[in-house]
């Protein structure tokens, strides 16, 4: 399982940074017919020290008109 998790996270790198969290890893594992709970995947990723290093921060433009 650990080898598959490492392979999935390495394939998901973008600009040399890890982008796959446990939800995306779980979805890829399901494609390989490997069924694990989210807590198990998070624990294994923690043991392997595989953490997301690139986040997608959404900017909310809802209040930008009030400031100008």
PDB file of N, CA and C in Angstrom:
ATOM      1  N   UNK A   1       0.817  -1.196   0.000  1.00  0.00           N
ATOM      2  CA  UNK A   1       0.000   0.000   0.000  1.00  0.00           C
ATOM      3  C   UNK A   1       0.863   1.263   0.000  1.00  0.00           C
ATOM      4  N   UNK A   2       1.920   1.230   0.789  1.00  0.00           N
ATOM      5  CA  UNK A   2       2.765   2.418   0.883  1.00  0.00           C
ATOM      6  C   UNK A   2       3.431   2.734  -0.451  1.00  0.00           C
ATOM      7  N   UNK A   3       3.825   1.691  -1.183  1.00  0.00           N
ATOM      8  CA  UNK A   3       4.445   1.924  -2.488  1.00  0.00           C
ATOM      9  C   UNK A   3       3.456   2.558  -3.454  1.00  0.00           C
ATOM     10  N   UNK A   4       2.206   2.119  -3.401  1.00  0.00           N
ATOM     11  CA  UNK A   4       1.183   2.693  -4.282  1.00  0.00           C
ATOM     12  C   UNK A   4       0.904   4.146  -3.919  1.00  0.00           C
ATOM     13  N   UNK A   5       0.862   4.454  -2.636  1.00  0.00           N
ATOM     14  CA  UNK A   5       0.616   5.837  -2.197  1.00  0.00           C
ATOM     15  C   UNK A   5       1.753   6.743  -2.655  1.00  0.00           C
ATOM     16  N   UNK A   6       2.981   6.266  -2.507  1.00  0.00           N
ATOM     17  CA  UNK A   6       4.124   7.066  -2.951  1.00  0.00           C
ATOM     18  C   UNK A   6       4.076   7.273  -4.462  1.00  0.00           C
ATOM     19  N   UNK A   7       3.740   6.233  -5.198  1.00  0.00           N
ATOM     20  CA  UNK A   7       3.664   6.335  -6.656  1.00  0.00           C
ATOM     21  C   UNK A   7       2.588   7.336  -7.074  1.00  0.00           C
ATOM     22  N   UNK A   8       1.433   7.272  -6.431  1.00  0.00           N
ATOM     23  CA  UNK A   8       0.329   8.184  -6.767  1.00  0.00           C
ATOM     24  C   UNK A   8       0.702   9.625  -6.476  1.00  0.00           C
ATOM     25  N   UNK A   9       1.304   9.873  -5.320  1.00  0.00           N
ATOM     26  CA  UNK A   9       1.663  11.250  -4.970  1.00  0.00           C
ATOM     27  C   UNK A   9       2.779  11.775  -5.855  1.00  0.00           C
ATOM     28  N   UNK A  10       3.713  10.915  -6.262  1.00  0.00           N
ATOM     29  CA  UNK A  10       4.781  11.355  -7.165  1.00  0.00           C
ATOM     30  C   UNK A  10       4.223  11.689  -8.543  1.00  0.00           C
ATOM     31  N   UNK A  11       3.239  10.916  -8.995  1.00  0.00           N
ATOM     32  CA  UNK A  11       2.620  11.202 -10.288  1.00  0.00           C
ATOM     33  C   UNK A  11       1.815  12.497 -10.250  1.00  0.00           C
ATOM     34  N   UNK A  12       1.367  12.898  -9.085  1.00  0.00           N
ATOM     35  CA  UNK A  12       0.563  14.102  -8.951  1.00  0.00           C
ATOM     36  C   UNK A  12       1.359  15.354  -8.681  1.00  0.00           C
ATOM     37  N   UNK A  13       2.669  15.282  -8.781  1.00  0.00           N
ATOM     38  CA  UNK A  13       3.481  16.471  -8.530  1.00  0.00           C
ATOM     39  C   UNK A  13       3.262  17.506  -9.622  1.00  0.00           C
ATOM     40  N   UNK A  14       3.280  18.760  -9.213  1.00  0.00           N
ATOM     41  CA  UNK A  14       3.165  19.883 -10.131  1.00  0.00           C
ATOM     42  C   UNK A  14       4.239  20.893  -9.755  1.00  0.00           C
ATOM     43  N   UNK A  15       5.129  21.167 -10.692  1.00  0.00           N
ATOM     44  CA  UNK A  15       6.261  22.070 -10.450  1.00  0.00           C
ATOM     45  C   UNK A  15       7.105  21.601  -9.265  1.00  0.00           C
ATOM     46  N   UNK A  16       7.237  20.292  -9.125  1.00  0.00           N
ATOM     47  CA  UNK A  16       8.073  19.733  -8.075  1.00  0.00           C
ATOM     48  C   UNK A  16       7.455  19.736  -6.700  1.00  0.00           C
ATOM     49  N   UNK A  17       6.185  20.077  -6.609  1.00  0.00           N
ATOM     50  CA  UNK A  17       5.526  20.136  -5.302  1.00  0.00           C
ATOM     51  C   UNK A  17       4.366  19.160  -5.275  1.00  0.00           C
ATOM     52  N   UNK A  18       4.111  18.602  -4.102  1.00  0.00           N
ATOM     53  CA  UNK A  18       3.045  17.619  -3.950  1.00  0.00           C
ATOM     54  C   UNK A  18       1.686  18.314  -3.957  1.00  0.00           C
ATOM     55  N   UNK A  19       0.754  17.768  -4.738  1.00  0.00           N
ATOM     56  CA  UNK A  19      -0.560  18.390  -4.850  1.00  0.00           C
ATOM     57  C   UNK A  19      -1.690  17.440  -4.474  1.00  0.00           C
ATOM     58  N   UNK A  20      -1.404  16.172  -4.238  1.00  0.00           N
ATOM     59  CA  UNK A  20      -2.456  15.208  -3.944  1.00  0.00           C
ATOM     60  C   UNK A  20      -2.638  15.064  -2.435  1.00  0.00           C
ATOM     61  N   UNK A  21      -3.853  15.313  -1.978  1.00  0.00           N
ATOM     62  CA  UNK A  21      -4.215  15.063  -0.597  1.00  0.00           C
ATOM     63  C   UNK A  21      -4.799  13.668  -0.459  1.00  0.00           C
ATOM     64  N   UNK A  22      -5.291  13.356   0.733  1.00  0.00           N
ATOM     65  CA  UNK A  22      -5.756  11.991   0.978  1.00  0.00           C
ATOM     66  C   UNK A  22      -7.004  11.660   0.163  1.00  0.00           C
ATOM     67  N   UNK A  23      -7.823  12.657  -0.156  1.00  0.00           N
ATOM     68  CA  UNK A  23      -9.034  12.375  -0.930  1.00  0.00           C
ATOM     69  C   UNK A  23      -8.691  11.959  -2.359  1.00  0.00           C
ATOM     70  N   UNK A  24      -7.758  12.666  -2.967  1.00  0.00           N
ATOM     71  CA  UNK A  24      -7.365  12.313  -4.329  1.00  0.00           C
ATOM     72  C   UNK A  24      -6.600  10.999  -4.351  1.00  0.00           C
ATOM     73  N   UNK A  25      -5.800  10.749  -3.322  1.00  0.00           N
ATOM     74  CA  UNK A  25      -5.091   9.477  -3.229  1.00  0.00           C
ATOM     75  C   UNK A  25      -6.100   8.344  -3.080  1.00  0.00           C
ATOM     76  N   UNK A  26      -7.131   8.553  -2.265  1.00  0.00           N
ATOM     77  CA  UNK A  26      -8.149   7.526  -2.075  1.00  0.00           C
ATOM     78  C   UNK A  26      -8.882   7.240  -3.386  1.00  0.00           C
ATOM     79  N   UNK A  27      -9.171   8.265  -4.163  1.00  0.00           N
ATOM     80  CA  UNK A  27      -9.848   8.071  -5.437  1.00  0.00           C
ATOM     81  C   UNK A  27      -8.983   7.271  -6.409  1.00  0.00           C
ATOM     82  N   UNK A  28      -7.680   7.550  -6.422  1.00  0.00           N
ATOM     83  CA  UNK A  28      -6.777   6.799  -7.294  1.00  0.00           C
ATOM     84  C   UNK A  28      -6.621   5.354  -6.825  1.00  0.00           C
ATOM     85  N   UNK A  29      -6.625   5.138  -5.514  1.00  0.00           N
ATOM     86  CA  UNK A  29      -6.540   3.777  -4.992  1.00  0.00           C
ATOM     87  C   UNK A  29      -7.796   2.982  -5.341  1.00  0.00           C
ATOM     88  N   UNK A  30      -8.937   3.634  -5.343  1.00  0.00           N
ATOM     89  CA  UNK A  30     -10.169   2.949  -5.718  1.00  0.00           C
ATOM     90  C   UNK A  30     -10.145   2.509  -7.176  1.00  0.00           C
ATOM     91  N   UNK A  31      -9.481   3.303  -8.027  1.00  0.00           N
ATOM     92  CA  UNK A  31      -9.335   2.896  -9.424  1.00  0.00           C
ATOM     93  C   UNK A  31      -8.514   1.622  -9.547  1.00  0.00           C
ATOM     94  N   UNK A  32      -7.604   1.397  -8.572  1.00  0.00           N
ATOM     95  CA  UNK A  32      -6.780   0.186  -8.560  1.00  0.00           C
ATOM     96  C   UNK A  32      -7.429  -0.932  -7.750  1.00  0.00           C
ATOM     97  N   UNK A  33      -8.699  -0.759  -7.362  1.00  0.00           N
ATOM     98  CA  UNK A  33      -9.450  -1.723  -6.538  1.00  0.00           C
ATOM     99  C   UNK A  33      -8.798  -1.955  -5.181  1.00  0.00           C
ATOM    100  N   UNK A  34      -8.246  -0.890  -4.598  1.00  0.00           N
ATOM    101  CA  UNK A  34      -7.699  -0.940  -3.243  1.00  0.00           C
ATOM    102  C   UNK A  34      -8.613  -0.088  -2.382  1.00  0.00           C
ATOM    103  N   UNK A  35      -9.292  -0.734  -1.460  1.00  0.00           N
ATOM    104  CA  UNK A  35     -10.271  -0.040  -0.617  1.00  0.00           C
ATOM    105  C   UNK A  35      -9.691   0.172   0.774  1.00  0.00           C
ATOM    106  N   UNK A  36      -9.449   1.429   1.111  1.00  0.00           N
ATOM    107  CA  UNK A  36      -8.968   1.808   2.438  1.00  0.00           C
ATOM    108  C   UNK A  36      -9.799   2.979   2.936  1.00  0.00           C
ATOM    109  N   UNK A  37      -9.940   3.070   4.239  1.00  0.00           N
ATOM    110  CA  UNK A  37     -10.679   4.198   4.793  1.00  0.00           C
ATOM    111  C   UNK A  37      -9.805   5.450   4.753  1.00  0.00           C
ATOM    112  N   UNK A  38     -10.455   6.599   4.884  1.00  0.00           N
ATOM    113  CA  UNK A  38      -9.707   7.855   4.822  1.00  0.00           C
ATOM    114  C   UNK A  38      -8.739   7.994   5.985  1.00  0.00           C
ATOM    115  N   UNK A  39      -9.094   7.481   7.151  1.00  0.00           N
ATOM    116  CA  UNK A  39      -8.184   7.592   8.297  1.00  0.00           C
ATOM    117  C   UNK A  39      -6.931   6.753   8.086  1.00  0.00           C
ATOM    118  N   UNK A  40      -7.079   5.595   7.472  1.00  0.00           N
ATOM    119  CA  UNK A  40      -5.913   4.746   7.197  1.00  0.00           C
ATOM    120  C   UNK A  40      -5.001   5.422   6.183  1.00  0.00           C
ATOM    121  N   UNK A  41      -5.595   6.015   5.157  1.00  0.00           N
ATOM    122  CA  UNK A  41      -4.789   6.700   4.140  1.00  0.00           C
ATOM    123  C   UNK A  41      -4.070   7.892   4.745  1.00  0.00           C
ATOM    124  N   UNK A  42      -4.749   8.647   5.578  1.00  0.00           N
ATOM    125  CA  UNK A  42      -4.101   9.799   6.223  1.00  0.00           C
ATOM    126  C   UNK A  42      -2.974   9.359   7.138  1.00  0.00           C
ATOM    127  N   UNK A  43      -3.167   8.263   7.858  1.00  0.00           N
ATOM    128  CA  UNK A  43      -2.121   7.764   8.746  1.00  0.00           C
ATOM    129  C   UNK A  43      -0.913   7.282   7.945  1.00  0.00           C
ATOM    130  N   UNK A  44      -1.159   6.553   6.845  1.00  0.00           N
ATOM    131  CA  UNK A  44      -0.056   6.084   6.016  1.00  0.00           C
ATOM    132  C   UNK A  44       0.689   7.244   5.372  1.00  0.00           C
ATOM    133  N   UNK A  45      -0.039   8.249   4.920  1.00  0.00           N
ATOM    134  CA  UNK A  45       0.611   9.420   4.340  1.00  0.00           C
ATOM    135  C   UNK A  45       1.426  10.163   5.384  1.00  0.00           C
ATOM    136  N   UNK A  46       0.957  10.173   6.615  1.00  0.00           N
ATOM    137  CA  UNK A  46       1.705  10.801   7.696  1.00  0.00           C
ATOM    138  C   UNK A  46       2.977  10.015   7.993  1.00  0.00           C
ATOM    139  N   UNK A  47       2.888   8.672   7.988  1.00  0.00           N
ATOM    140  CA  UNK A  47       4.067   7.841   8.228  1.00  0.00           C
ATOM    141  C   UNK A  47       5.098   8.024   7.121  1.00  0.00           C
ATOM    142  N   UNK A  48       4.630   8.204   5.888  1.00  0.00           N
ATOM    143  CA  UNK A  48       5.528   8.386   4.756  1.00  0.00           C
ATOM    144  C   UNK A  48       6.001   9.826   4.604  1.00  0.00           C
ATOM    145  N   UNK A  49       5.465  10.712   5.429  1.00  0.00           N
ATOM    146  CA  UNK A  49       5.780  12.145   5.383  1.00  0.00           C
ATOM    147  C   UNK A  49       5.462  12.726   4.007  1.00  0.00           C
ATOM    148  N   UNK A  50       4.301  12.359   3.499  1.00  0.00           N
ATOM    149  CA  UNK A  50       3.820  12.854   2.208  1.00  0.00           C
ATOM    150  C   UNK A  50       2.656  13.789   2.506  1.00  0.00           C
ATOM    151  N   UNK A  51       2.913  15.091   2.378  1.00  0.00           N
ATOM    152  CA  UNK A  51       1.892  16.086   2.671  1.00  0.00           C
ATOM    153  C   UNK A  51       1.770  17.038   1.495  1.00  0.00           C
ATOM    154  N   UNK A  52       0.608  17.599   1.340  1.00  0.00           N
ATOM    155  CA  UNK A  52       0.380  18.558   0.269  1.00  0.00           C
ATOM    156  C   UNK A  52       1.214  19.807   0.551  1.00  0.00           C
ATOM    157  N   UNK A  53       1.963  20.245  -0.455  1.00  0.00           N
ATOM    158  CA  UNK A  53       2.783  21.443  -0.272  1.00  0.00           C
ATOM    159  C   UNK A  53       2.322  22.591  -1.150  1.00  0.00           C
ATOM    160  N   UNK A  54       1.335  22.342  -2.004  1.00  0.00           N
ATOM    161  CA  UNK A  54       0.805  23.406  -2.859  1.00  0.00           C
ATOM    162  C   UNK A  54      -0.705  23.440  -2.717  1.00  0.00           C
ATOM    163  N   UNK A  55      -1.209  24.544  -2.257  1.00  0.00           N
ATOM    164  CA  UNK A  55      -2.635  24.689  -2.036  1.00  0.00           C
ATOM    165  C   UNK A  55      -3.239  25.592  -3.093  1.00  0.00           C
ATOM    166  N   UNK A  56      -4.509  25.395  -3.369  1.00  0.00           N
ATOM    167  CA  UNK A  56      -5.245  26.258  -4.273  1.00  0.00           C
ATOM    168  C   UNK A  56      -6.107  27.179  -3.417  1.00  0.00           C
ATOM    169  N   UNK A  57      -5.659  28.389  -3.271  1.00  0.00           N
ATOM    170  CA  UNK A  57      -6.414  29.331  -2.445  1.00  0.00           C
ATOM    171  C   UNK A  57      -7.376  30.098  -3.344  1.00  0.00           C
ATOM    172  N   UNK A  58      -8.650  29.952  -3.064  1.00  0.00           N
ATOM    173  CA  UNK A  58      -9.665  30.637  -3.856  1.00  0.00           C
ATOM    174  C   UNK A  58      -9.851  32.050  -3.319  1.00  0.00           C
ATOM    175  N   UNK A  59      -9.856  32.989  -4.220  1.00  0.00           N
ATOM    176  CA  UNK A  59     -10.079  34.375  -3.806  1.00  0.00           C
ATOM    177  C   UNK A  59     -11.545  34.706  -4.015  1.00  0.00           C
ATOM    178  N   UNK A  60     -12.131  35.257  -3.010  1.00  0.00           N
ATOM    179  CA  UNK A  60     -13.529  35.637  -3.071  1.00  0.00           C
ATOM    180  C   UNK A  60     -13.604  37.110  -3.456  1.00  0.00           C
ATOM    181  N   UNK A  61     -14.170  37.398  -4.593  1.00  0.00           N
ATOM    182  CA  UNK A  61     -14.272  38.775  -5.049  1.00  0.00           C
ATOM    183  C   UNK A  61     -15.575  39.435  -4.649  1.00  0.00           C
ATOM    184  N   UNK A  62     -16.294  38.827  -3.714  1.00  0.00           N
ATOM    185  CA  UNK A  62     -17.603  39.308  -3.356  1.00  0.00           C
ATOM    186  C   UNK A  62     -17.553  40.706  -2.724  1.00  0.00           C
ATOM    187  N   UNK A  63     -16.549  40.959  -1.896  1.00  0.00           N
ATOM    188  CA  UNK A  63     -16.505  42.220  -1.160  1.00  0.00           C
ATOM    189  C   UNK A  63     -15.549  43.224  -1.776  1.00  0.00           C
ATOM    190  N   UNK A  64     -14.991  42.918  -2.944  1.00  0.00           N
ATOM    191  CA  UNK A  64     -14.011  43.820  -3.527  1.00  0.00           C
ATOM    192  C   UNK A  64     -14.674  45.126  -3.987  1.00  0.00           C
ATOM    193  N   UNK A  65     -15.949  45.089  -4.338  1.00  0.00           N
ATOM    194  CA  UNK A  65     -16.615  46.291  -4.794  1.00  0.00           C
ATOM    195  C   UNK A  65     -16.882  47.261  -3.654  1.00  0.00           C
ATOM    196  N   UNK A  66     -16.993  46.747  -2.441  1.00  0.00           N
ATOM    197  CA  UNK A  66     -17.268  47.603  -1.291  1.00  0.00           C
ATOM    198  C   UNK A  66     -16.078  48.424  -0.892  1.00  0.00           C
ATOM    199  N   UNK A  67     -14.869  47.910  -1.192  1.00  0.00           N
ATOM    200  CA  UNK A  67     -13.665  48.612  -0.767  1.00  0.00           C
ATOM    201  C   UNK A  67     -13.292  49.753  -1.696  1.00  0.00           C
ATOM    202  N   UNK A  68     -13.732  49.717  -2.939  1.00  0.00           N
ATOM    203  CA  UNK A  68     -13.299  50.756  -3.880  1.00  0.00           C
ATOM    204  C   UNK A  68     -14.215  51.948  -3.909  1.00  0.00           C
TER     205      UNK A  68
END
